[in-house]
């Protein structure tokens, strides 16, 4: 994973329905990873001692539909932090997440859009 620089609430890992899981360690915008779990090819859930989120491969990031792909993210690059940006990943690839998580992401996205002019 490249170290793009700097990336609200990410579901706990227990709420994921991973297609594949692997563990590896990497440097993230939030510091060294404690866990890196592959949710699906090109989608990695990351936890650190203080924060976490998702990393998307460049191919996955390019495959995100608008308006999710162009939304400015806190960490930038292909990093999606756990407080808000996780919604963009879930809504872009709902087929790899539990229905409950997808519904929560839709609710958060609608609230966000209503709060913006």
PDB file of N, CA and C in Angstrom:
ATOM      1  N   UNK A   1       0.840  -1.186   0.000  1.00  0.00           N
ATOM      2  CA  UNK A   1       0.000   0.000   0.000  1.00  0.00           C
ATOM      3  C   UNK A   1       0.873   1.232   0.000  1.00  0.00           C
ATOM      4  N   UNK A   2       0.608   2.191  -0.879  1.00  0.00           N
ATOM      5  CA  UNK A   2       1.370   3.414  -0.842  1.00  0.00           C
ATOM      6  C   UNK A   2       0.977   4.230   0.373  1.00  0.00           C
ATOM      7  N   UNK A   3       1.860   5.070   0.822  1.00  0.00           N
ATOM      8  CA  UNK A   3       1.555   5.923   1.962  1.00  0.00           C
ATOM      9  C   UNK A   3       1.098   7.281   1.453  1.00  0.00           C
ATOM     10  N   UNK A   4      -0.146   7.343   0.942  1.00  0.00           N
ATOM     11  CA  UNK A   4      -0.728   8.627   0.555  1.00  0.00           C
ATOM     12  C   UNK A   4      -0.781   9.421   1.839  1.00  0.00           C
ATOM     13  N   UNK A   5      -0.893  10.687   1.831  1.00  0.00           N
ATOM     14  CA  UNK A   5      -0.893  11.315   3.125  1.00  0.00           C
ATOM     15  C   UNK A   5      -2.270  11.612   3.615  1.00  0.00           C
ATOM     16  N   UNK A   6      -2.306  12.180   4.701  1.00  0.00           N
ATOM     17  CA  UNK A   6      -3.423  12.459   5.571  1.00  0.00           C
ATOM     18  C   UNK A   6      -4.864  12.218   5.115  1.00  0.00           C
ATOM     19  N   UNK A   7      -6.245  11.367   6.287  1.00  0.00           N
ATOM     20  CA  UNK A   7      -7.686  10.994   6.004  1.00  0.00           C
ATOM     21  C   UNK A   7      -8.617  11.494   7.147  1.00  0.00           C
ATOM     22  N   UNK A   8     -17.725   9.899   9.037  1.00  0.00           N
ATOM     23  CA  UNK A   8     -17.425   9.513  10.220  1.00  0.00           C
ATOM     24  C   UNK A   8     -17.875   8.308  10.984  1.00  0.00           C
ATOM     25  N   UNK A   9     -18.334   7.278  11.595  1.00  0.00           N
ATOM     26  CA  UNK A   9     -17.800   6.226  12.452  1.00  0.00           C
ATOM     27  C   UNK A   9     -17.746   4.913  11.698  1.00  0.00           C
ATOM     28  N   UNK A  10     -16.570   4.350  11.628  1.00  0.00           N
ATOM     29  CA  UNK A  10     -16.367   3.087  10.939  1.00  0.00           C
ATOM     30  C   UNK A  10     -16.951   1.951  11.763  1.00  0.00           C
ATOM     31  N   UNK A  11     -17.708   1.054  11.148  1.00  0.00           N
ATOM     32  CA  UNK A  11     -18.216  -0.083  11.895  1.00  0.00           C
ATOM     33  C   UNK A  11     -17.054  -0.909  12.443  1.00  0.00           C
ATOM     34  N   UNK A  12     -17.257  -1.555  13.553  1.00  0.00           N
ATOM     35  CA  UNK A  12     -16.206  -2.392  14.107  1.00  0.00           C
ATOM     36  C   UNK A  12     -15.957  -3.570  13.176  1.00  0.00           C
ATOM     37  N   UNK A  13     -14.750  -4.146  13.211  1.00  0.00           N
ATOM     38  CA  UNK A  13     -14.464  -5.252  12.298  1.00  0.00           C
ATOM     39  C   UNK A  13     -15.476  -6.389  12.378  1.00  0.00           C
ATOM     40  N   UNK A  14     -16.102  -6.592  13.517  1.00  0.00           N
ATOM     41  CA  UNK A  14     -17.075  -7.670  13.651  1.00  0.00           C
ATOM     42  C   UNK A  14     -18.297  -7.453  12.763  1.00  0.00           C
ATOM     43  N   UNK A  15     -18.539  -6.216  12.307  1.00  0.00           N
ATOM     44  CA  UNK A  15     -19.710  -5.952  11.474  1.00  0.00           C
ATOM     45  C   UNK A  15     -19.439  -6.196   9.995  1.00  0.00           C
ATOM     46  N   UNK A  16     -18.214  -6.472   9.618  1.00  0.00           N
ATOM     47  CA  UNK A  16     -17.893  -6.714   8.228  1.00  0.00           C
ATOM     48  C   UNK A  16     -18.222  -8.140   7.843  1.00  0.00           C
ATOM     49  N   UNK A  17     -18.526  -8.321   6.585  1.00  0.00           N
ATOM     50  CA  UNK A  17     -18.650  -9.662   6.028  1.00  0.00           C
ATOM     51  C   UNK A  17     -17.531  -9.805   5.008  1.00  0.00           C
ATOM     52  N   UNK A  18     -16.322 -10.078   5.482  1.00  0.00           N
ATOM     53  CA  UNK A  18     -15.195 -10.099   4.551  1.00  0.00           C
ATOM     54  C   UNK A  18     -15.308 -11.209   3.524  1.00  0.00           C
ATOM     55  N   UNK A  19     -14.950 -10.844   2.300  1.00  0.00           N
ATOM     56  CA  UNK A  19     -14.863 -11.831   1.232  1.00  0.00           C
ATOM     57  C   UNK A  19     -13.576 -12.618   1.437  1.00  0.00           C
ATOM     58  N   UNK A  20     -12.529 -11.924   1.844  1.00  0.00           N
ATOM     59  CA  UNK A  20     -11.243 -12.555   2.132  1.00  0.00           C
ATOM     60  C   UNK A  20     -10.613 -11.781   3.276  1.00  0.00           C
ATOM     61  N   UNK A  21      -9.861 -12.453   4.098  1.00  0.00           N
ATOM     62  CA  UNK A  21      -9.209 -11.777   5.209  1.00  0.00           C
ATOM     63  C   UNK A  21      -7.739 -12.151   5.215  1.00  0.00           C
ATOM     64  N   UNK A  22      -6.908 -11.151   5.345  1.00  0.00           N
ATOM     65  CA  UNK A  22      -5.491 -11.385   5.523  1.00  0.00           C
ATOM     66  C   UNK A  22      -4.988 -10.342   6.492  1.00  0.00           C
ATOM     67  N   UNK A  23      -3.941 -10.652   7.213  1.00  0.00           N
ATOM     68  CA  UNK A  23      -3.377  -9.700   8.169  1.00  0.00           C
ATOM     69  C   UNK A  23      -1.961  -9.360   7.724  1.00  0.00           C
ATOM     70  N   UNK A  24      -1.646  -8.082   7.751  1.00  0.00           N
ATOM     71  CA  UNK A  24      -0.316  -7.603   7.442  1.00  0.00           C
ATOM     72  C   UNK A  24      -0.170  -6.258   8.122  1.00  0.00           C
ATOM     73  N   UNK A  25       1.037  -5.737   8.219  1.00  0.00           N
ATOM     74  CA  UNK A  25       1.270  -4.477   8.912  1.00  0.00           C
ATOM     75  C   UNK A  25       1.759  -3.439   7.918  1.00  0.00           C
ATOM     76  N   UNK A  26       1.372  -2.186   8.145  1.00  0.00           N
ATOM     77  CA  UNK A  26       1.764  -1.127   7.225  1.00  0.00           C
ATOM     78  C   UNK A  26       1.691   0.227   7.919  1.00  0.00           C
ATOM     79  N   UNK A  27       2.398   1.192   7.384  1.00  0.00           N
ATOM     80  CA  UNK A  27       2.311   2.569   7.850  1.00  0.00           C
ATOM     81  C   UNK A  27       1.077   3.203   7.227  1.00  0.00           C
ATOM     82  N   UNK A  28       0.312   3.928   8.045  1.00  0.00           N
ATOM     83  CA  UNK A  28      -0.916   4.569   7.581  1.00  0.00           C
ATOM     84  C   UNK A  28      -0.872   6.052   7.933  1.00  0.00           C
ATOM     85  N   UNK A  29      -1.835   6.839   7.453  1.00  0.00           N
ATOM     86  CA  UNK A  29      -1.886   8.246   7.858  1.00  0.00           C
ATOM     87  C   UNK A  29      -2.101   8.419   9.358  1.00  0.00           C
ATOM     88  N   UNK A  30      -2.522   7.348  10.043  1.00  0.00           N
ATOM     89  CA  UNK A  30      -2.833   7.407  11.469  1.00  0.00           C
ATOM     90  C   UNK A  30      -1.754   6.756  12.315  1.00  0.00           C
ATOM     91  N   UNK A  31      -0.649   6.389  11.703  1.00  0.00           N
ATOM     92  CA  UNK A  31       0.427   5.708  12.410  1.00  0.00           C
ATOM     93  C   UNK A  31       0.512   4.254  11.979  1.00  0.00           C
ATOM     94  N   UNK A  32       1.327   3.483  12.693  1.00  0.00           N
ATOM     95  CA  UNK A  32       1.484   2.067  12.373  1.00  0.00           C
ATOM     96  C   UNK A  32       0.203   1.294  12.610  1.00  0.00           C
ATOM     97  N   UNK A  33      -0.088   0.375  11.721  1.00  0.00           N
ATOM     98  CA  UNK A  33      -1.330  -0.393  11.842  1.00  0.00           C
ATOM     99  C   UNK A  33      -1.210  -1.447  12.940  1.00  0.00           C
ATOM    100  N   UNK A  34      -2.323  -1.683  13.613  1.00  0.00           N
ATOM    101  CA  UNK A  34      -2.439  -2.827  14.513  1.00  0.00           C
ATOM    102  C   UNK A  34      -3.003  -3.997  13.726  1.00  0.00           C
ATOM    103  N   UNK A  35      -4.031  -3.714  12.903  1.00  0.00           N
ATOM    104  CA  UNK A  35      -4.604  -4.744  12.036  1.00  0.00           C
ATOM    105  C   UNK A  35      -4.863  -4.146  10.664  1.00  0.00           C
ATOM    106  N   UNK A  36      -4.739  -4.979   9.675  1.00  0.00           N
ATOM    107  CA  UNK A  36      -5.112  -4.656   8.296  1.00  0.00           C
ATOM    108  C   UNK A  36      -5.845  -5.875   7.775  1.00  0.00           C
ATOM    109  N   UNK A  37      -7.142  -5.743   7.612  1.00  0.00           N
ATOM    110  CA  UNK A  37      -7.968  -6.869   7.177  1.00  0.00           C
ATOM    111  C   UNK A  37      -8.510  -6.605   5.783  1.00  0.00           C
ATOM    112  N   UNK A  38      -8.216  -7.510   4.867  1.00  0.00           N
ATOM    113  CA  UNK A  38      -8.749  -7.373   3.522  1.00  0.00           C
ATOM    114  C   UNK A  38     -10.218  -7.746   3.544  1.00  0.00           C
ATOM    115  N   UNK A  39     -11.067  -6.772   3.220  1.00  0.00           N
ATOM    116  CA  UNK A  39     -12.516  -6.977   3.177  1.00  0.00           C
ATOM    117  C   UNK A  39     -12.901  -7.613   1.846  1.00  0.00           C
ATOM    118  N   UNK A  40     -12.264  -7.166   0.799  1.00  0.00           N
ATOM    119  CA  UNK A  40     -12.454  -7.673  -0.561  1.00  0.00           C
ATOM    120  C   UNK A  40     -11.204  -7.249  -1.319  1.00  0.00           C
ATOM    121  N   UNK A  41     -10.961  -7.791  -2.502  1.00  0.00           N
ATOM    122  CA  UNK A  41      -9.786  -7.358  -3.241  1.00  0.00           C
ATOM    123  C   UNK A  41      -9.754  -5.826  -3.389  1.00  0.00           C
ATOM    124  N   UNK A  42      -8.660  -5.228  -2.911  1.00  0.00           N
ATOM    125  CA  UNK A  42      -8.487  -3.785  -3.034  1.00  0.00           C
ATOM    126  C   UNK A  42      -9.156  -2.962  -1.956  1.00  0.00           C
ATOM    127  N   UNK A  43      -9.802  -3.597  -0.965  1.00  0.00           N
ATOM    128  CA  UNK A  43     -10.456  -2.888   0.145  1.00  0.00           C
ATOM    129  C   UNK A  43      -9.896  -3.440   1.446  1.00  0.00           C
ATOM    130  N   UNK A  44      -9.182  -2.581   2.194  1.00  0.00           N
ATOM    131  CA  UNK A  44      -8.541  -3.017   3.425  1.00  0.00           C
ATOM    132  C   UNK A  44      -9.047  -2.165   4.580  1.00  0.00           C
ATOM    133  N   UNK A  45      -9.489  -2.827   5.650  1.00  0.00           N
ATOM    134  CA  UNK A  45      -9.893  -2.156   6.879  1.00  0.00           C
ATOM    135  C   UNK A  45      -8.674  -2.109   7.791  1.00  0.00           C
ATOM    136  N   UNK A  46      -8.399  -0.914   8.334  1.00  0.00           N
ATOM    137  CA  UNK A  46      -7.185  -0.707   9.113  1.00  0.00           C
ATOM    138  C   UNK A  46      -7.531  -0.165  10.490  1.00  0.00           C
ATOM    139  N   UNK A  47      -6.868  -0.702  11.527  1.00  0.00           N
ATOM    140  CA  UNK A  47      -6.950  -0.119  12.857  1.00  0.00           C
ATOM    141  C   UNK A  47      -5.538   0.247  13.304  1.00  0.00           C
ATOM    142  N   UNK A  48      -5.452   1.300  14.098  1.00  0.00           N
ATOM    143  CA  UNK A  48      -4.186   1.709  14.707  1.00  0.00           C
ATOM    144  C   UNK A  48      -4.464   1.944  16.183  1.00  0.00           C
ATOM    145  N   UNK A  49      -3.457   2.378  16.908  1.00  0.00           N
ATOM    146  CA  UNK A  49      -3.652   2.647  18.319  1.00  0.00           C
ATOM    147  C   UNK A  49      -4.561   3.821  18.589  1.00  0.00           C
ATOM    148  N   UNK A  50      -4.708   4.711  17.608  1.00  0.00           N
ATOM    149  CA  UNK A  50      -5.500   5.913  17.846  1.00  0.00           C
ATOM    150  C   UNK A  50      -6.623   6.148  16.850  1.00  0.00           C
ATOM    151  N   UNK A  51      -6.597   5.513  15.704  1.00  0.00           N
ATOM    152  CA  UNK A  51      -7.584   5.807  14.671  1.00  0.00           C
ATOM    153  C   UNK A  51      -7.610   4.639  13.695  1.00  0.00           C
ATOM    154  N   UNK A  52      -8.235   4.842  12.554  1.00  0.00           N
ATOM    155  CA  UNK A  52      -8.280   3.812  11.539  1.00  0.00           C
ATOM    156  C   UNK A  52      -9.168   4.214  10.395  1.00  0.00           C
ATOM    157  N   UNK A  53      -9.453   3.263   9.541  1.00  0.00           N
ATOM    158  CA  UNK A  53     -10.292   3.522   8.381  1.00  0.00           C
ATOM    159  C   UNK A  53     -10.078   2.471   7.323  1.00  0.00           C
ATOM    160  N   UNK A  54     -10.270   2.884   6.077  1.00  0.00           N
ATOM    161  CA  UNK A  54     -10.083   1.999   4.940  1.00  0.00           C
ATOM    162  C   UNK A  54      -8.961   2.517   4.059  1.00  0.00           C
ATOM    163  N   UNK A  55      -8.291   1.568   3.424  1.00  0.00           N
ATOM    164  CA  UNK A  55      -7.391   1.870   2.319  1.00  0.00           C
ATOM    165  C   UNK A  55      -7.996   1.199   1.094  1.00  0.00           C
ATOM    166  N   UNK A  56      -8.047   1.920  -0.025  1.00  0.00           N
ATOM    167  CA  UNK A  56      -8.483   1.332  -1.292  1.00  0.00           C
ATOM    168  C   UNK A  56      -7.311   1.300  -2.252  1.00  0.00           C
ATOM    169  N   UNK A  57      -7.211   0.229  -3.006  1.00  0.00           N
ATOM    170  CA  UNK A  57      -6.216   0.191  -4.074  1.00  0.00           C
ATOM    171  C   UNK A  57      -6.578   1.281  -5.079  1.00  0.00           C
ATOM    172  N   UNK A  58      -5.616   1.746  -5.860  1.00  0.00           N
ATOM    173  CA  UNK A  58      -5.941   2.757  -6.880  1.00  0.00           C
ATOM    174  C   UNK A  58      -7.051   2.297  -7.827  1.00  0.00           C
ATOM    175  N   UNK A  59      -7.068   1.009  -8.152  1.00  0.00           N
ATOM    176  CA  UNK A  59      -8.105   0.486  -9.053  1.00  0.00           C
ATOM    177  C   UNK A  59      -9.487   0.570  -8.408  1.00  0.00           C
ATOM    178  N   UNK A  60      -9.568   0.220  -7.126  1.00  0.00           N
ATOM    179  CA  UNK A  60     -10.850   0.331  -6.409  1.00  0.00           C
ATOM    180  C   UNK A  60     -11.271   1.789  -6.305  1.00  0.00           C
ATOM    181  N   UNK A  61     -10.341   2.665  -5.977  1.00  0.00           N
ATOM    182  CA  UNK A  61     -10.668   4.087  -5.861  1.00  0.00           C
ATOM    183  C   UNK A  61     -11.194   4.625  -7.191  1.00  0.00           C
ATOM    184  N   UNK A  62     -10.572   4.210  -8.298  1.00  0.00           N
ATOM    185  CA  UNK A  62     -11.038   4.648  -9.626  1.00  0.00           C
ATOM    186  C   UNK A  62     -12.413   4.096  -9.961  1.00  0.00           C
ATOM    187  N   UNK A  63     -12.772   2.960  -9.365  1.00  0.00           N
ATOM    188  CA  UNK A  63     -14.064   2.327  -9.643  1.00  0.00           C
ATOM    189  C   UNK A  63     -15.202   2.913  -8.809  1.00  0.00           C
ATOM    190  N   UNK A  64     -14.901   3.812  -7.884  1.00  0.00           N
ATOM    191  CA  UNK A  64     -15.957   4.416  -7.062  1.00  0.00           C
ATOM    192  C   UNK A  64     -16.865   5.267  -7.933  1.00  0.00           C
ATOM    193  N   UNK A  65     -18.165   5.162  -7.752  1.00  0.00           N
ATOM    194  CA  UNK A  65     -19.069   6.015  -8.526  1.00  0.00           C
ATOM    195  C   UNK A  65     -19.049   7.460  -8.014  1.00  0.00           C
ATOM    196  N   UNK A  66     -19.435   8.361  -8.885  1.00  0.00           N
ATOM    197  CA  UNK A  66     -19.665   9.744  -8.453  1.00  0.00           C
ATOM    198  C   UNK A  66     -20.953   9.746  -7.655  1.00  0.00           C
ATOM    199  N   UNK A  67     -21.130  10.559  -6.644  1.00  0.00           N
ATOM    200  CA  UNK A  67     -20.244  11.618  -6.180  1.00  0.00           C
ATOM    201  C   UNK A  67     -19.232  11.168  -5.134  1.00  0.00           C
ATOM    202  N   UNK A  68     -19.190   9.878  -4.834  1.00  0.00           N
ATOM    203  CA  UNK A  68     -18.300   9.401  -3.770  1.00  0.00           C
ATOM    204  C   UNK A  68     -16.828   9.568  -4.127  1.00  0.00           C
ATOM    205  N   UNK A  69     -16.485   9.310  -5.387  1.00  0.00           N
ATOM    206  CA  UNK A  69     -15.081   9.381  -5.812  1.00  0.00           C
ATOM    207  C   UNK A  69     -14.504  10.781  -5.658  1.00  0.00           C
ATOM    208  N   UNK A  70     -15.291  11.797  -5.935  1.00  0.00           N
ATOM    209  CA  UNK A  70     -14.760  13.164  -5.930  1.00  0.00           C
ATOM    210  C   UNK A  70     -14.887  13.873  -4.580  1.00  0.00           C
ATOM    211  N   UNK A  71     -15.503  13.230  -3.600  1.00  0.00           N
ATOM    212  CA  UNK A  71     -15.659  13.842  -2.271  1.00  0.00           C
ATOM    213  C   UNK A  71     -14.283  14.009  -1.638  1.00  0.00           C
ATOM    214  N   UNK A  72     -13.999  15.211  -1.139  1.00  0.00           N
ATOM    215  CA  UNK A  72     -12.738  15.468  -0.455  1.00  0.00           C
ATOM    216  C   UNK A  72     -12.724  14.668   0.844  1.00  0.00           C
ATOM    217  N   UNK A  73     -11.616  13.962   1.072  1.00  0.00           N
ATOM    218  CA  UNK A  73     -11.495  13.105   2.249  1.00  0.00           C
ATOM    219  C   UNK A  73     -10.478  13.676   3.225  1.00  0.00           C
ATOM    220  N   UNK A  74     -10.634  13.326   4.489  1.00  0.00           N
ATOM    221  CA  UNK A  74      -9.764  13.866   5.530  1.00  0.00           C
ATOM    222  C   UNK A  74      -8.313  13.454   5.353  1.00  0.00           C
ATOM    223  N   UNK A  75      -8.038  12.200   5.004  1.00  0.00           N
ATOM    224  CA  UNK A  75      -6.661  11.728   4.897  1.00  0.00           C
ATOM    225  C   UNK A  75      -6.119  11.851   3.483  1.00  0.00           C
ATOM    226  N   UNK A  76      -6.987  12.077   2.522  1.00  0.00           N
ATOM    227  CA  UNK A  76      -6.549  12.233   1.145  1.00  0.00           C
ATOM    228  C   UNK A  76      -6.180  10.920   0.486  1.00  0.00           C
ATOM    229  N   UNK A  77      -5.762  11.024  -0.755  1.00  0.00           N
ATOM    230  CA  UNK A  77      -5.350   9.840  -1.496  1.00  0.00           C
ATOM    231  C   UNK A  77      -6.438   8.788  -1.526  1.00  0.00           C
ATOM    232  N   UNK A  78      -6.037   7.558  -1.284  1.00  0.00           N
ATOM    233  CA  UNK A  78      -7.001   6.456  -1.282  1.00  0.00           C
ATOM    234  C   UNK A  78      -7.231   5.944   0.137  1.00  0.00           C
ATOM    235  N   UNK A  79      -7.111   6.853   1.113  1.00  0.00           N
ATOM    236  CA  UNK A  79      -7.362   6.555   2.529  1.00  0.00           C
ATOM    237  C   UNK A  79      -8.698   7.149   2.928  1.00  0.00           C
ATOM    238  N   UNK A  80      -9.485   6.408   3.714  1.00  0.00           N
ATOM    239  CA  UNK A  80     -10.819   6.807   4.127  1.00  0.00           C
ATOM    240  C   UNK A  80     -10.930   6.608   5.635  1.00  0.00           C
ATOM    241  N   UNK A  81     -10.957   7.714   6.393  1.00  0.00           N
ATOM    242  CA  UNK A  81     -10.916   7.604   7.848  1.00  0.00           C
ATOM    243  C   UNK A  81     -12.222   7.071   8.414  1.00  0.00           C
ATOM    244  N   UNK A  82     -12.150   6.624   9.667  1.00  0.00           N
ATOM    245  CA  UNK A  82     -13.232   5.868  10.280  1.00  0.00           C
ATOM    246  C   UNK A  82     -14.408   6.688  10.786  1.00  0.00           C
ATOM    247  N   UNK A  83     -14.284   7.993  10.900  1.00  0.00           N
ATOM    248  CA  UNK A  83     -15.372   8.774  11.465  1.00  0.00           C
ATOM    249  C   UNK A  83     -16.439   9.136  10.438  1.00  0.00           C
ATOM    250  N   UNK A  84     -16.037   9.520   9.258  1.00  0.00           N
ATOM    251  CA  UNK A  84     -17.007   9.918   8.221  1.00  0.00           C
ATOM    252  C   UNK A  84     -16.753   9.236   6.882  1.00  0.00           C
ATOM    253  N   UNK A  85     -15.506   9.169   6.471  1.00  0.00           N
ATOM    254  CA  UNK A  85     -15.182   8.740   5.116  1.00  0.00           C
ATOM    255  C   UNK A  85     -15.506   7.274   4.821  1.00  0.00           C
ATOM    256  N   UNK A  86     -15.649   6.454   5.850  1.00  0.00           N
ATOM    257  CA  UNK A  86     -15.981   5.043   5.643  1.00  0.00           C
ATOM    258  C   UNK A  86     -17.263   4.894   4.837  1.00  0.00           C
ATOM    259  N   UNK A  87     -18.166   5.851   4.977  1.00  0.00           N
ATOM    260  CA  UNK A  87     -19.449   5.824   4.276  1.00  0.00           C
ATOM    261  C   UNK A  87     -19.229   5.753   2.762  1.00  0.00           C
ATOM    262  N   UNK A  88     -18.240   6.472   2.272  1.00  0.00           N
ATOM    263  CA  UNK A  88     -17.965   6.504   0.837  1.00  0.00           C
ATOM    264  C   UNK A  88     -17.568   5.128   0.314  1.00  0.00           C
ATOM    265  N   UNK A  89     -16.801   4.397   1.091  1.00  0.00           N
ATOM    266  CA  UNK A  89     -16.375   3.053   0.693  1.00  0.00           C
ATOM    267  C   UNK A  89     -17.570   2.103   0.690  1.00  0.00           C
ATOM    268  N   UNK A  90     -18.343   2.126   1.753  1.00  0.00           N
ATOM    269  CA  UNK A  90     -19.491   1.218   1.866  1.00  0.00           C
ATOM    270  C   UNK A  90     -20.511   1.485   0.760  1.00  0.00           C
ATOM    271  N   UNK A  91     -20.803   2.751   0.486  1.00  0.00           N
ATOM    272  CA  UNK A  91     -21.783   3.068  -0.555  1.00  0.00           C
ATOM    273  C   UNK A  91     -21.256   2.761  -1.951  1.00  0.00           C
ATOM    274  N   UNK A  92     -19.947   2.820  -2.128  1.00  0.00           N
ATOM    275  CA  UNK A  92     -19.364   2.493  -3.426  1.00  0.00           C
ATOM    276  C   UNK A  92     -19.341   0.997  -3.701  1.00  0.00           C
ATOM    277  N   UNK A  93     -19.212   0.200  -2.644  1.00  0.00           N
ATOM    278  CA  UNK A  93     -19.091  -1.252  -2.796  1.00  0.00           C
ATOM    279  C   UNK A  93     -20.010  -1.984  -1.815  1.00  0.00           C
ATOM    280  N   UNK A  94     -21.318  -1.736  -1.891  1.00  0.00           N
ATOM    281  CA  UNK A  94     -22.245  -2.304  -0.907  1.00  0.00           C
ATOM    282  C   UNK A  94     -22.297  -3.832  -0.914  1.00  0.00           C
ATOM    283  N   UNK A  95     -21.916  -4.436  -2.003  1.00  0.00           N
ATOM    284  CA  UNK A  95     -21.995  -5.894  -2.114  1.00  0.00           C
ATOM    285  C   UNK A  95     -21.047  -6.632  -1.160  1.00  0.00           C
ATOM    286  N   UNK A  96     -20.053  -5.941  -0.597  1.00  0.00           N
ATOM    287  CA  UNK A  96     -19.102  -6.627   0.290  1.00  0.00           C
ATOM    288  C   UNK A  96     -19.354  -6.330   1.769  1.00  0.00           C
ATOM    289  N   UNK A  97     -20.438  -5.615   2.065  1.00  0.00           N
ATOM    290  CA  UNK A  97     -20.762  -5.278   3.447  1.00  0.00           C
ATOM    291  C   UNK A  97     -22.147  -5.801   3.810  1.00  0.00           C
ATOM    292  N   UNK A  98     -22.360  -6.006   5.099  1.00  0.00           N
ATOM    293  CA  UNK A  98     -23.666  -6.440   5.582  1.00  0.00           C
ATOM    294  C   UNK A  98     -24.711  -5.365   5.293  1.00  0.00           C
ATOM    295  N   UNK A  99     -25.939  -5.803   5.074  1.00  0.00           N
ATOM    296  CA  UNK A  99     -27.033  -4.892   4.753  1.00  0.00           C
ATOM    297  C   UNK A  99     -27.204  -3.811   5.822  1.00  0.00           C
ATOM    298  N   UNK A 100     -27.061  -4.188   7.080  1.00  0.00           N
ATOM    299  CA  UNK A 100     -27.196  -3.228   8.181  1.00  0.00           C
ATOM    300  C   UNK A 100     -26.160  -2.107   8.071  1.00  0.00           C
ATOM    301  N   UNK A 101     -24.934  -2.450   7.701  1.00  0.00           N
ATOM    302  CA  UNK A 101     -23.860  -1.461   7.554  1.00  0.00           C
ATOM    303  C   UNK A 101     -24.152  -0.546   6.368  1.00  0.00           C
ATOM    304  N   UNK A 102     -24.637  -1.120   5.277  1.00  0.00           N
ATOM    305  CA  UNK A 102     -24.988  -0.331   4.094  1.00  0.00           C
ATOM    306  C   UNK A 102     -26.120   0.642   4.437  1.00  0.00           C
ATOM    307  N   UNK A 103     -27.116   0.185   5.158  1.00  0.00           N
ATOM    308  CA  UNK A 103     -28.224   1.064   5.550  1.00  0.00           C
ATOM    309  C   UNK A 103     -27.740   2.206   6.435  1.00  0.00           C
ATOM    310  N   UNK A 104     -26.839   1.921   7.364  1.00  0.00           N
ATOM    311  CA  UNK A 104     -26.274   2.971   8.219  1.00  0.00           C
ATOM    312  C   UNK A 104     -25.507   3.991   7.385  1.00  0.00           C
ATOM    313  N   UNK A 105     -24.753   3.512   6.413  1.00  0.00           N
ATOM    314  CA  UNK A 105     -24.004   4.415   5.534  1.00  0.00           C
ATOM    315  C   UNK A 105     -24.952   5.297   4.721  1.00  0.00           C
ATOM    316  N   UNK A 106     -26.029   4.727   4.208  1.00  0.00           N
ATOM    317  CA  UNK A 106     -27.007   5.520   3.443  1.00  0.00           C
ATOM    318  C   UNK A 106     -27.615   6.615   4.312  1.00  0.00           C
ATOM    319  N   UNK A 107     -27.967   6.272   5.543  1.00  0.00           N
ATOM    320  CA  UNK A 107     -28.540   7.250   6.467  1.00  0.00           C
ATOM    321  C   UNK A 107     -27.553   8.389   6.734  1.00  0.00           C
ATOM    322  N   UNK A 108     -26.299   8.045   6.984  1.00  0.00           N
ATOM    323  CA  UNK A 108     -25.288   9.072   7.246  1.00  0.00           C
ATOM    324  C   UNK A 108     -25.069   9.957   6.016  1.00  0.00           C
ATOM    325  N   UNK A 109     -25.036   9.364   4.839  1.00  0.00           N
ATOM    326  CA  UNK A 109     -24.833  10.130   3.605  1.00  0.00           C
ATOM    327  C   UNK A 109     -25.994  11.110   3.379  1.00  0.00           C
ATOM    328  N   UNK A 110     -27.218  10.659   3.604  1.00  0.00           N
ATOM    329  CA  UNK A 110     -28.378  11.541   3.443  1.00  0.00           C
ATOM    330  C   UNK A 110     -28.344  12.686   4.446  1.00  0.00           C
ATOM    331  N   UNK A 111     -27.960  12.411   5.678  1.00  0.00           N
ATOM    332  CA  UNK A 111     -27.820  13.481   6.676  1.00  0.00           C
ATOM    333  C   UNK A 111     -26.770  14.485   6.240  1.00  0.00           C
ATOM    334  N   UNK A 112     -25.659  14.005   5.734  1.00  0.00           N
ATOM    335  CA  UNK A 112     -24.577  14.875   5.269  1.00  0.00           C
ATOM    336  C   UNK A 112     -25.086  15.767   4.136  1.00  0.00           C
ATOM    337  N   UNK A 113     -25.778  15.202   3.185  1.00  0.00           N
ATOM    338  CA  UNK A 113     -26.252  15.969   2.040  1.00  0.00           C
ATOM    339  C   UNK A 113     -27.282  17.011   2.442  1.00  0.00           C
ATOM    340  N   UNK A 114     -28.131  16.703   3.419  1.00  0.00           N
ATOM    341  CA  UNK A 114     -29.131  17.661   3.894  1.00  0.00           C
ATOM    342  C   UNK A 114     -28.478  18.844   4.613  1.00  0.00           C
ATOM    343  N   UNK A 115     -27.333  18.618   5.226  1.00  0.00           N
ATOM    344  CA  UNK A 115     -26.629  19.666   5.954  1.00  0.00           C
ATOM    345  C   UNK A 115     -25.832  20.588   5.050  1.00  0.00           C
ATOM    346  N   UNK A 116     -25.727  20.243   3.765  1.00  0.00           N
ATOM    347  CA  UNK A 116     -24.947  21.057   2.826  1.00  0.00           C
ATOM    348  C   UNK A 116     -25.883  21.832   1.914  1.00  0.00           C
ATOM    349  N   UNK A 117     -25.515  23.067   1.604  1.00  0.00           N
ATOM    350  CA  UNK A 117     -26.374  23.876   0.685  1.00  0.00           C
ATOM    351  C   UNK A 117     -26.413  23.309  -0.712  1.00  0.00           C
TER     352      UNK A 117
END
